[in-house]
Amino acid sequence: MDIRRKYLRGINIPGALLLLLIVNFGASADQTGDTLNVKIHGTLRRMPCVINNDKAIVIDFGNVGVNKVNGDNYKQSIDYLLECKDPDATANLNMTLRGVQSSYNTGAINTNVPGLGIEILQNGSPVTINKAFVIDYNNPPRLEAVPVSSGVPLTEGAFNATATLMAEYE
């Protein structure tokens, strides 16, 4: 018979576990402890605003004449709702239209048709795509979209463009 077996037969196992726990607890209490630097980080931001209840804004130009695109014909209103939680009257509220800017017009979004863009107007003036502009929360700007051409002959076919309208406090 092995000595370990003989020794274990005479010891009450639950009592041995209790003894080990007490010994370990006592040893832990005697340690001086380690130190560890904790880094805490995050971003403090103002709450963003919600545009159009987070639903897509769809503008359907219908049939557009390839020879009638002049930056005025086919103009459409961009209807949207703007809601900001806890509006801050002391901070600037910026609106930005993010998208692929056309190479010939800083206020136009590229479409899938070469030479055709969709210009976005704020209260009648072109916005600059991907550049924020300050707005008044209590009087949001009137936005419009209008097809524009680079001057090259346009080809027939369906066209589309995509952009993201954002509003956030500075």
N, C-alpha and C. Protein backbone atom coordinates (compact mmCIF):
# COMPACT_ATOMS: atom_id res chain seq x y z
N MET A 1 0.85 -1.17 0.00
CA MET A 1 0.00 0.00 0.00
C MET A 1 0.89 1.23 0.00
N ASP A 2 0.56 2.12 -0.82
CA ASP A 2 1.27 3.38 -1.00
C ASP A 2 1.02 4.27 0.21
N ILE A 3 2.03 5.06 0.61
CA ILE A 3 1.92 5.94 1.79
C ILE A 3 0.85 6.99 1.57
N ARG A 4 0.74 7.50 0.35
CA ARG A 4 -0.26 8.53 0.09
C ARG A 4 -1.67 8.01 0.32
N ARG A 5 -1.93 6.78 -0.10
CA ARG A 5 -3.26 6.21 0.13
C ARG A 5 -3.53 6.06 1.61
N LYS A 6 -2.54 5.61 2.32
CA LYS A 6 -2.69 5.43 3.74
C LYS A 6 -2.97 6.77 4.42
N TYR A 7 -2.25 7.77 3.99
CA TYR A 7 -2.40 9.09 4.58
C TYR A 7 -3.79 9.65 4.28
N LEU A 8 -4.27 9.51 3.04
CA LEU A 8 -5.57 10.04 2.65
C LEU A 8 -6.71 9.33 3.36
N ARG A 9 -6.55 8.01 3.66
CA ARG A 9 -7.62 7.28 4.34
C ARG A 9 -7.89 7.86 5.72
N GLY A 10 -6.88 8.37 6.33
CA GLY A 10 -7.06 8.88 7.69
C GLY A 10 -7.53 10.32 7.73
N ILE A 11 -7.60 11.00 6.57
CA ILE A 11 -7.98 12.42 6.57
C ILE A 11 -9.39 12.57 6.04
N ASN A 12 -10.13 13.37 6.71
CA ASN A 12 -11.47 13.70 6.27
C ASN A 12 -11.32 14.69 5.10
N ILE A 13 -11.74 14.31 3.87
CA ILE A 13 -11.52 15.12 2.67
C ILE A 13 -12.19 16.50 2.78
N PRO A 14 -13.45 16.63 3.16
CA PRO A 14 -14.02 17.97 3.27
C PRO A 14 -13.25 18.83 4.25
N GLY A 15 -12.78 18.25 5.32
CA GLY A 15 -11.98 19.01 6.27
C GLY A 15 -10.67 19.45 5.65
N ALA A 16 -10.07 18.60 4.79
CA ALA A 16 -8.81 18.94 4.13
C ALA A 16 -9.04 20.11 3.17
N LEU A 17 -10.13 20.10 2.46
CA LEU A 17 -10.41 21.21 1.54
C LEU A 17 -10.62 22.50 2.31
N LEU A 18 -11.32 22.42 3.42
CA LEU A 18 -11.53 23.60 4.25
C LEU A 18 -10.20 24.12 4.76
N LEU A 19 -9.33 23.22 5.19
CA LEU A 19 -8.02 23.61 5.68
C LEU A 19 -7.22 24.29 4.57
N LEU A 20 -7.27 23.73 3.34
CA LEU A 20 -6.55 24.34 2.21
C LEU A 20 -7.11 25.73 1.89
N LEU A 21 -8.41 25.87 1.95
CA LEU A 21 -9.00 27.18 1.68
C LEU A 21 -8.58 28.20 2.73
N ILE A 22 -8.56 27.79 3.94
CA ILE A 22 -8.15 28.70 5.01
C ILE A 22 -6.70 29.08 4.85
N VAL A 23 -5.87 28.11 4.52
CA VAL A 23 -4.44 28.39 4.35
C VAL A 23 -4.25 29.33 3.16
N ASN A 24 -4.93 29.08 2.04
CA ASN A 24 -4.78 29.95 0.87
C ASN A 24 -5.30 31.35 1.16
N PHE A 25 -6.41 31.46 1.85
CA PHE A 25 -6.95 32.77 2.17
C PHE A 25 -5.97 33.54 3.05
N GLY A 26 -5.41 32.85 4.02
CA GLY A 26 -4.45 33.50 4.91
C GLY A 26 -3.22 33.95 4.14
N ALA A 27 -2.78 33.16 3.17
CA ALA A 27 -1.61 33.52 2.39
C ALA A 27 -1.92 34.74 1.52
N SER A 28 -3.13 34.81 0.98
CA SER A 28 -3.50 35.95 0.14
C SER A 28 -3.54 37.22 0.96
N ALA A 29 -4.01 37.14 2.16
CA ALA A 29 -4.13 38.33 3.00
C ALA A 29 -2.76 38.88 3.36
N ASP A 30 -1.75 38.04 3.41
CA ASP A 30 -0.42 38.48 3.78
C ASP A 30 0.33 39.13 2.61
N GLN A 31 -0.14 38.95 1.35
CA GLN A 31 0.57 39.53 0.21
C GLN A 31 0.40 41.04 0.21
N THR A 32 1.40 41.70 -0.33
CA THR A 32 1.31 43.15 -0.42
C THR A 32 0.49 43.58 -1.63
N GLY A 33 0.31 42.72 -2.61
CA GLY A 33 -0.53 43.01 -3.77
C GLY A 33 0.27 43.57 -4.93
N ASP A 34 -0.32 43.48 -6.09
CA ASP A 34 0.27 44.02 -7.30
C ASP A 34 -0.45 45.31 -7.65
N THR A 35 0.19 46.12 -8.50
CA THR A 35 -0.47 47.32 -9.02
C THR A 35 -0.60 47.16 -10.53
N LEU A 36 -1.63 47.73 -11.05
CA LEU A 36 -1.89 47.67 -12.48
C LEU A 36 -2.49 48.99 -12.91
N ASN A 37 -1.87 49.60 -13.91
CA ASN A 37 -2.43 50.85 -14.44
C ASN A 37 -3.62 50.50 -15.31
N VAL A 38 -4.69 51.21 -15.12
CA VAL A 38 -5.91 51.00 -15.89
C VAL A 38 -6.11 52.22 -16.77
N LYS A 39 -6.25 51.99 -18.08
CA LYS A 39 -6.50 53.09 -19.01
C LYS A 39 -7.98 53.08 -19.34
N ILE A 40 -8.59 54.22 -19.22
CA ILE A 40 -10.01 54.37 -19.53
C ILE A 40 -10.11 55.43 -20.62
N HIS A 41 -10.81 55.10 -21.67
CA HIS A 41 -10.94 56.07 -22.75
C HIS A 41 -12.33 56.00 -23.36
N GLY A 42 -12.67 57.00 -24.10
CA GLY A 42 -13.96 57.07 -24.76
C GLY A 42 -14.04 58.37 -25.54
N THR A 43 -15.17 58.66 -26.07
CA THR A 43 -15.38 59.88 -26.82
C THR A 43 -16.59 60.59 -26.25
N LEU A 44 -16.40 61.82 -25.89
CA LEU A 44 -17.48 62.64 -25.37
C LEU A 44 -18.03 63.43 -26.54
N ARG A 45 -19.28 63.17 -26.90
CA ARG A 45 -19.88 63.82 -28.06
C ARG A 45 -21.28 64.29 -27.73
N ARG A 46 -21.70 65.25 -28.48
CA ARG A 46 -23.09 65.67 -28.40
C ARG A 46 -23.90 64.64 -29.17
N MET A 47 -25.12 64.46 -28.77
CA MET A 47 -25.97 63.48 -29.44
C MET A 47 -26.24 63.91 -30.87
N PRO A 48 -26.11 62.99 -31.81
CA PRO A 48 -26.42 63.36 -33.20
C PRO A 48 -27.93 63.53 -33.37
N CYS A 49 -28.26 64.08 -34.48
CA CYS A 49 -29.66 64.28 -34.80
C CYS A 49 -30.15 63.14 -35.69
N VAL A 50 -31.44 63.00 -35.76
CA VAL A 50 -32.05 61.96 -36.59
C VAL A 50 -32.75 62.67 -37.75
N ILE A 51 -32.46 62.20 -38.94
CA ILE A 51 -33.07 62.79 -40.13
C ILE A 51 -34.07 61.81 -40.70
N ASN A 52 -35.28 62.29 -40.94
CA ASN A 52 -36.34 61.53 -41.59
C ASN A 52 -36.65 60.21 -40.86
N ASN A 53 -36.57 60.25 -39.54
CA ASN A 53 -36.83 59.04 -38.72
C ASN A 53 -35.97 57.86 -39.16
N ASP A 54 -34.76 58.14 -39.62
CA ASP A 54 -33.81 57.11 -40.11
C ASP A 54 -34.36 56.31 -41.28
N LYS A 55 -35.25 56.90 -42.05
CA LYS A 55 -35.78 56.25 -43.24
C LYS A 55 -35.18 56.92 -44.47
N ALA A 56 -35.00 56.14 -45.53
CA ALA A 56 -34.42 56.65 -46.77
C ALA A 56 -35.29 57.76 -47.37
N ILE A 57 -34.63 58.72 -47.95
CA ILE A 57 -35.31 59.77 -48.71
C ILE A 57 -35.15 59.40 -50.18
N VAL A 58 -36.25 59.24 -50.87
CA VAL A 58 -36.21 58.82 -52.27
C VAL A 58 -36.72 59.97 -53.14
N ILE A 59 -35.93 60.31 -54.15
CA ILE A 59 -36.34 61.34 -55.09
C ILE A 59 -36.44 60.68 -56.46
N ASP A 60 -37.61 60.74 -57.05
CA ASP A 60 -37.84 60.13 -58.36
C ASP A 60 -38.01 61.24 -59.38
N PHE A 61 -37.05 61.37 -60.26
CA PHE A 61 -37.11 62.41 -61.29
C PHE A 61 -37.99 62.00 -62.47
N GLY A 62 -38.38 60.75 -62.55
CA GLY A 62 -39.18 60.28 -63.69
C GLY A 62 -38.34 60.32 -64.95
N ASN A 63 -38.99 60.62 -66.07
CA ASN A 63 -38.29 60.71 -67.36
C ASN A 63 -37.66 62.09 -67.51
N VAL A 64 -36.37 62.12 -67.73
CA VAL A 64 -35.62 63.36 -67.89
C VAL A 64 -35.11 63.41 -69.32
N GLY A 65 -35.39 64.48 -70.03
CA GLY A 65 -34.92 64.64 -71.41
C GLY A 65 -33.42 64.88 -71.46
N VAL A 66 -32.69 64.09 -72.24
CA VAL A 66 -31.23 64.20 -72.28
C VAL A 66 -30.79 65.60 -72.74
N ASN A 67 -31.60 66.27 -73.53
CA ASN A 67 -31.24 67.61 -74.02
C ASN A 67 -31.87 68.73 -73.19
N LYS A 68 -32.56 68.38 -72.12
CA LYS A 68 -33.23 69.40 -71.29
C LYS A 68 -32.59 69.56 -69.91
N VAL A 69 -31.50 68.86 -69.64
CA VAL A 69 -30.81 68.97 -68.35
C VAL A 69 -30.01 70.28 -68.38
N ASN A 70 -30.45 71.24 -67.55
CA ASN A 70 -29.79 72.55 -67.55
C ASN A 70 -29.57 73.12 -66.14
N GLY A 71 -29.76 72.31 -65.11
CA GLY A 71 -29.57 72.79 -63.74
C GLY A 71 -30.78 73.50 -63.17
N ASP A 72 -31.87 73.57 -63.94
CA ASP A 72 -33.10 74.18 -63.47
C ASP A 72 -34.30 73.26 -63.72
N ASN A 73 -34.33 72.66 -64.90
CA ASN A 73 -35.42 71.73 -65.22
C ASN A 73 -35.35 70.51 -64.30
N TYR A 74 -36.50 70.00 -63.95
CA TYR A 74 -36.66 68.76 -63.17
C TYR A 74 -36.29 68.91 -61.69
N LYS A 75 -36.21 70.14 -61.22
CA LYS A 75 -35.85 70.38 -59.81
C LYS A 75 -36.89 69.73 -58.90
N GLN A 76 -36.41 69.05 -57.86
CA GLN A 76 -37.28 68.37 -56.89
C GLN A 76 -36.95 68.83 -55.47
N SER A 77 -37.97 68.99 -54.67
CA SER A 77 -37.79 69.30 -53.26
C SER A 77 -37.34 68.03 -52.53
N ILE A 78 -36.41 68.18 -51.59
CA ILE A 78 -35.99 67.06 -50.74
C ILE A 78 -36.74 67.24 -49.42
N ASP A 79 -37.79 66.47 -49.25
CA ASP A 79 -38.58 66.56 -48.03
C ASP A 79 -37.96 65.69 -46.95
N TYR A 80 -37.73 66.25 -45.78
CA TYR A 80 -37.11 65.52 -44.68
C TYR A 80 -37.59 66.09 -43.36
N LEU A 81 -37.45 65.30 -42.31
CA LEU A 81 -37.72 65.73 -40.94
C LEU A 81 -36.39 65.75 -40.21
N LEU A 82 -36.21 66.72 -39.34
CA LEU A 82 -34.99 66.82 -38.55
C LEU A 82 -35.37 66.84 -37.09
N GLU A 83 -34.82 65.90 -36.32
CA GLU A 83 -35.08 65.83 -34.88
C GLU A 83 -33.77 65.65 -34.14
N CYS A 84 -33.50 66.58 -33.24
CA CYS A 84 -32.30 66.51 -32.41
C CYS A 84 -32.73 66.38 -30.95
N LYS A 85 -32.15 65.45 -30.26
CA LYS A 85 -32.45 65.27 -28.84
C LYS A 85 -31.69 66.35 -28.07
N ASP A 86 -32.37 67.02 -27.18
CA ASP A 86 -31.77 68.09 -26.37
C ASP A 86 -31.00 69.08 -27.22
N PRO A 87 -31.67 69.82 -28.11
CA PRO A 87 -30.97 70.79 -28.95
C PRO A 87 -30.16 71.76 -28.09
N ASP A 88 -28.98 72.11 -28.55
CA ASP A 88 -28.07 72.98 -27.82
C ASP A 88 -27.99 74.32 -28.54
N ALA A 89 -28.61 75.33 -27.99
CA ALA A 89 -28.64 76.65 -28.62
C ALA A 89 -27.27 77.32 -28.62
N THR A 90 -26.33 76.82 -27.79
CA THR A 90 -25.01 77.44 -27.72
C THR A 90 -24.02 76.83 -28.70
N ALA A 91 -24.38 75.75 -29.39
CA ALA A 91 -23.47 75.09 -30.31
C ALA A 91 -24.00 75.19 -31.74
N ASN A 92 -23.09 75.12 -32.69
CA ASN A 92 -23.48 75.11 -34.09
C ASN A 92 -24.03 73.75 -34.48
N LEU A 93 -25.12 73.75 -35.22
CA LEU A 93 -25.67 72.52 -35.77
C LEU A 93 -25.25 72.47 -37.24
N ASN A 94 -24.48 71.45 -37.57
CA ASN A 94 -23.95 71.32 -38.93
C ASN A 94 -24.72 70.27 -39.70
N MET A 95 -24.92 70.55 -40.97
CA MET A 95 -25.50 69.57 -41.89
C MET A 95 -24.46 69.30 -42.97
N THR A 96 -24.36 68.04 -43.36
CA THR A 96 -23.41 67.64 -44.39
C THR A 96 -24.08 66.65 -45.32
N LEU A 97 -23.83 66.80 -46.61
CA LEU A 97 -24.28 65.82 -47.58
C LEU A 97 -23.04 65.07 -48.04
N ARG A 98 -22.95 63.80 -47.66
CA ARG A 98 -21.78 62.99 -48.01
C ARG A 98 -22.11 62.12 -49.22
N GLY A 99 -21.20 62.13 -50.17
CA GLY A 99 -21.37 61.34 -51.37
C GLY A 99 -20.17 61.50 -52.27
N VAL A 100 -20.24 60.90 -53.44
CA VAL A 100 -19.16 61.02 -54.42
C VAL A 100 -19.43 62.29 -55.23
N GLN A 101 -18.57 63.27 -55.03
CA GLN A 101 -18.72 64.56 -55.68
C GLN A 101 -18.33 64.45 -57.16
N SER A 102 -19.10 65.11 -58.01
CA SER A 102 -18.75 65.09 -59.44
C SER A 102 -17.48 65.90 -59.66
N SER A 103 -16.76 65.60 -60.71
CA SER A 103 -15.50 66.29 -60.99
C SER A 103 -15.73 67.68 -61.58
N TYR A 104 -16.92 67.98 -62.07
CA TYR A 104 -17.19 69.25 -62.74
C TYR A 104 -18.07 70.20 -61.94
N ASN A 105 -18.59 69.74 -60.77
CA ASN A 105 -19.48 70.59 -59.99
C ASN A 105 -19.37 70.18 -58.52
N THR A 106 -18.84 71.06 -57.66
CA THR A 106 -18.62 70.71 -56.25
C THR A 106 -19.93 70.53 -55.48
N GLY A 107 -21.03 70.97 -56.06
CA GLY A 107 -22.33 70.83 -55.41
C GLY A 107 -23.14 69.67 -55.95
N ALA A 108 -22.53 68.84 -56.81
CA ALA A 108 -23.28 67.75 -57.44
C ALA A 108 -22.71 66.39 -57.05
N ILE A 109 -23.62 65.45 -56.90
CA ILE A 109 -23.27 64.05 -56.62
C ILE A 109 -23.17 63.34 -57.97
N ASN A 110 -22.18 62.50 -58.10
CA ASN A 110 -22.04 61.69 -59.31
C ASN A 110 -23.21 60.74 -59.46
N THR A 111 -23.58 60.47 -60.68
CA THR A 111 -24.55 59.42 -60.97
C THR A 111 -23.82 58.32 -61.73
N ASN A 112 -24.54 57.27 -62.06
CA ASN A 112 -23.94 56.18 -62.82
C ASN A 112 -23.86 56.50 -64.32
N VAL A 113 -24.38 57.66 -64.75
CA VAL A 113 -24.32 58.07 -66.15
C VAL A 113 -23.22 59.12 -66.30
N PRO A 114 -22.22 58.85 -67.17
CA PRO A 114 -21.13 59.82 -67.35
C PRO A 114 -21.68 61.19 -67.78
N GLY A 115 -21.20 62.24 -67.10
CA GLY A 115 -21.58 63.59 -67.42
C GLY A 115 -22.85 64.08 -66.75
N LEU A 116 -23.53 63.22 -66.00
CA LEU A 116 -24.76 63.61 -65.31
C LEU A 116 -24.53 63.59 -63.80
N GLY A 117 -24.89 64.69 -63.16
CA GLY A 117 -24.81 64.77 -61.71
C GLY A 117 -26.13 65.27 -61.15
N ILE A 118 -26.27 65.17 -59.83
CA ILE A 118 -27.44 65.71 -59.15
C ILE A 118 -26.93 66.79 -58.20
N GLU A 119 -27.27 68.04 -58.52
CA GLU A 119 -26.84 69.15 -57.69
C GLU A 119 -27.81 69.31 -56.52
N ILE A 120 -27.26 69.56 -55.33
CA ILE A 120 -28.08 69.76 -54.13
C ILE A 120 -28.04 71.24 -53.77
N LEU A 121 -29.21 71.81 -53.57
CA LEU A 121 -29.34 73.23 -53.25
C LEU A 121 -29.87 73.40 -51.82
N GLN A 122 -29.29 74.36 -51.13
CA GLN A 122 -29.75 74.73 -49.79
C GLN A 122 -30.31 76.14 -49.91
N ASN A 123 -31.61 76.27 -49.71
CA ASN A 123 -32.27 77.57 -49.85
C ASN A 123 -31.91 78.24 -51.17
N GLY A 124 -31.82 77.45 -52.24
CA GLY A 124 -31.56 77.97 -53.58
C GLY A 124 -30.10 78.06 -53.99
N SER A 125 -29.17 77.86 -53.06
CA SER A 125 -27.73 77.93 -53.38
C SER A 125 -27.11 76.55 -53.30
N PRO A 126 -26.17 76.24 -54.19
CA PRO A 126 -25.53 74.92 -54.15
C PRO A 126 -24.75 74.69 -52.86
N VAL A 127 -24.86 73.49 -52.32
CA VAL A 127 -24.03 73.09 -51.19
C VAL A 127 -22.73 72.53 -51.77
N THR A 128 -21.73 72.42 -50.95
CA THR A 128 -20.52 71.72 -51.36
C THR A 128 -20.59 70.32 -50.78
N ILE A 129 -20.55 69.33 -51.65
CA ILE A 129 -20.64 67.94 -51.22
C ILE A 129 -19.49 67.63 -50.26
N ASN A 130 -19.78 66.92 -49.19
CA ASN A 130 -18.82 66.50 -48.16
C ASN A 130 -18.28 67.65 -47.31
N LYS A 131 -18.93 68.81 -47.36
CA LYS A 131 -18.51 69.94 -46.53
C LYS A 131 -19.70 70.39 -45.68
N ALA A 132 -19.48 70.49 -44.37
CA ALA A 132 -20.55 70.86 -43.44
C ALA A 132 -20.94 72.33 -43.61
N PHE A 133 -22.22 72.60 -43.38
CA PHE A 133 -22.70 73.98 -43.35
C PHE A 133 -23.60 74.14 -42.14
N VAL A 134 -23.54 75.29 -41.52
CA VAL A 134 -24.29 75.55 -40.29
C VAL A 134 -25.75 75.82 -40.64
N ILE A 135 -26.65 75.22 -39.84
CA ILE A 135 -28.08 75.42 -40.04
C ILE A 135 -28.72 75.83 -38.72
N ASP A 136 -29.93 76.32 -38.81
CA ASP A 136 -30.72 76.69 -37.64
C ASP A 136 -31.72 75.57 -37.38
N TYR A 137 -31.62 74.94 -36.22
CA TYR A 137 -32.50 73.82 -35.89
C TYR A 137 -33.97 74.24 -35.94
N ASN A 138 -34.27 75.44 -35.50
CA ASN A 138 -35.65 75.91 -35.47
C ASN A 138 -36.17 76.32 -36.85
N ASN A 139 -35.27 76.44 -37.81
CA ASN A 139 -35.64 76.81 -39.17
C ASN A 139 -34.74 76.04 -40.14
N PRO A 140 -34.94 74.72 -40.27
CA PRO A 140 -34.07 73.91 -41.13
C PRO A 140 -34.12 74.40 -42.59
N PRO A 141 -33.03 74.22 -43.31
CA PRO A 141 -32.99 74.72 -44.68
C PRO A 141 -33.91 73.95 -45.63
N ARG A 142 -34.31 74.63 -46.67
CA ARG A 142 -35.06 74.00 -47.76
C ARG A 142 -34.01 73.37 -48.67
N LEU A 143 -34.12 72.08 -48.90
CA LEU A 143 -33.17 71.37 -49.76
C LEU A 143 -33.86 70.95 -51.05
N GLU A 144 -33.12 71.04 -52.15
CA GLU A 144 -33.63 70.63 -53.45
C GLU A 144 -32.55 69.86 -54.19
N ALA A 145 -32.98 69.06 -55.14
CA ALA A 145 -32.07 68.30 -56.00
C ALA A 145 -32.45 68.58 -57.44
N VAL A 146 -31.44 68.75 -58.29
CA VAL A 146 -31.70 69.05 -59.70
C VAL A 146 -30.62 68.38 -60.55
N PRO A 147 -31.01 67.75 -61.66
CA PRO A 147 -30.01 67.17 -62.56
C PRO A 147 -29.17 68.26 -63.24
N VAL A 148 -27.88 68.01 -63.31
CA VAL A 148 -26.95 68.92 -64.00
C VAL A 148 -26.05 68.09 -64.92
N SER A 149 -25.54 68.76 -65.93
CA SER A 149 -24.70 68.08 -66.91
C SER A 149 -23.32 68.72 -66.94
N SER A 150 -22.33 67.91 -67.27
CA SER A 150 -20.96 68.42 -67.42
C SER A 150 -20.77 69.10 -68.77
N GLY A 151 -21.75 68.97 -69.64
CA GLY A 151 -21.65 69.56 -70.97
C GLY A 151 -21.45 68.53 -72.06
N VAL A 152 -21.11 67.30 -71.68
CA VAL A 152 -20.97 66.25 -72.68
C VAL A 152 -22.36 65.74 -73.04
N PRO A 153 -22.55 65.24 -74.26
CA PRO A 153 -23.86 64.69 -74.61
C PRO A 153 -24.21 63.52 -73.69
N LEU A 154 -25.42 63.53 -73.17
CA LEU A 154 -25.88 62.48 -72.27
C LEU A 154 -26.50 61.35 -73.09
N THR A 155 -26.33 60.14 -72.59
CA THR A 155 -26.92 58.97 -73.25
C THR A 155 -28.19 58.57 -72.52
N GLU A 156 -29.11 57.98 -73.27
CA GLU A 156 -30.35 57.51 -72.66
C GLU A 156 -30.09 56.37 -71.71
N GLY A 157 -30.91 56.27 -70.68
CA GLY A 157 -30.81 55.17 -69.74
C GLY A 157 -31.18 55.60 -68.34
N ALA A 158 -31.44 54.61 -67.52
CA ALA A 158 -31.77 54.88 -66.12
C ALA A 158 -30.54 55.42 -65.40
N PHE A 159 -30.77 56.32 -64.46
CA PHE A 159 -29.65 56.85 -63.67
C PHE A 159 -29.99 56.78 -62.19
N ASN A 160 -28.96 56.75 -61.37
CA ASN A 160 -29.16 56.79 -59.93
C ASN A 160 -27.94 57.42 -59.27
N ALA A 161 -28.15 57.89 -58.08
CA ALA A 161 -27.09 58.48 -57.26
C ALA A 161 -27.45 58.22 -55.81
N THR A 162 -26.43 58.16 -54.97
CA THR A 162 -26.65 57.91 -53.55
C THR A 162 -25.82 58.88 -52.74
N ALA A 163 -26.39 59.38 -51.65
CA ALA A 163 -25.68 60.26 -50.73
C ALA A 163 -26.25 60.07 -49.33
N THR A 164 -25.56 60.57 -48.35
CA THR A 164 -26.00 60.50 -46.96
C THR A 164 -26.12 61.91 -46.41
N LEU A 165 -27.28 62.24 -45.88
CA LEU A 165 -27.52 63.54 -45.26
C LEU A 165 -27.31 63.38 -43.76
N MET A 166 -26.44 64.22 -43.20
CA MET A 166 -26.11 64.13 -41.77
C MET A 166 -26.34 65.49 -41.10
N ALA A 167 -26.73 65.45 -39.84
CA ALA A 167 -26.82 66.65 -39.01
C ALA A 167 -26.27 66.32 -37.65
N GLU A 168 -25.36 67.15 -37.17
CA GLU A 168 -24.76 66.92 -35.85
C GLU A 168 -24.24 68.22 -35.27
N TYR A 169 -24.23 68.28 -33.96
CA TYR A 169 -23.72 69.47 -33.29
C TYR A 169 -22.21 69.46 -33.31
N GLU A 170 -21.66 70.65 -33.44
CA GLU A 170 -20.20 70.82 -33.48
C GLU A 170 -19.66 70.86 -32.08
